[in-house]
């Protein structure tokens, strides 16, 4: 289902019909891209 919702063809069609509202709806539903980063502090014995 996510492949269908995030497909380029559906995006183009939806953008032509409803504009950017479709993209905002997907983002509000949590169906967009997610970037995650994890930062770790180096421990006392790691030479930092």
Protein backbone atom coordinates (compact mmCIF):
# COMPACT_ATOMS: atom_id res chain seq x y z
CA UNK A 1 0.00 0.00 0.00
CA UNK A 2 2.86 2.41 0.78
CA UNK A 3 4.33 1.83 -2.68
CA UNK A 4 1.05 2.94 -4.19
CA UNK A 5 0.73 6.00 -1.95
CA UNK A 6 4.32 7.09 -2.60
CA UNK A 7 4.34 6.34 -6.33
CA UNK A 8 5.30 9.09 -8.76
CA UNK A 9 2.31 8.42 -11.00
CA UNK A 10 -0.17 8.81 -8.15
CA UNK A 11 1.69 11.90 -6.91
CA UNK A 12 1.46 13.58 -10.30
CA UNK A 13 -2.21 12.73 -10.69
CA UNK A 14 -3.11 13.88 -7.18
CA UNK A 15 -1.08 17.08 -7.55
CA UNK A 16 -2.91 17.87 -10.79
CA UNK A 17 -6.28 17.35 -9.09
CA UNK A 18 -5.85 18.72 -5.55
CA UNK A 19 -2.50 20.53 -5.60
CA UNK A 20 -0.11 20.20 -2.67
CA UNK A 21 -2.84 19.15 -0.23
CA UNK A 22 -2.23 15.48 -1.03
CA UNK A 23 1.44 15.79 -0.06
CA UNK A 24 0.52 17.56 3.19
CA UNK A 25 -2.06 14.88 3.97
CA UNK A 26 0.55 12.14 3.52
CA UNK A 27 2.96 14.02 5.79
CA UNK A 28 0.28 14.51 8.45
CA UNK A 29 -0.45 10.78 8.36
CA UNK A 30 3.25 10.00 8.81
CA UNK A 31 3.68 8.50 5.35
CA UNK A 32 6.57 10.71 4.23
CA UNK A 33 10.29 10.19 4.51
CA UNK A 34 11.89 10.02 7.93
CA UNK A 35 15.50 10.87 8.61
CA UNK A 36 16.95 9.66 11.87
CA UNK A 37 20.37 10.35 13.34
CA UNK A 38 21.89 8.92 16.49
CA UNK A 39 24.64 10.81 18.30
CA UNK A 40 26.77 9.04 20.87
CA UNK A 41 29.25 10.59 23.23
CA UNK A 42 32.60 8.89 23.23
CA UNK A 43 33.42 7.13 26.47
CA UNK A 44 36.28 8.03 28.80
CA UNK A 45 38.60 5.30 27.47
CA UNK A 46 38.13 5.95 23.75
CA UNK A 47 40.94 8.51 23.30
CA UNK A 48 38.75 11.56 22.84
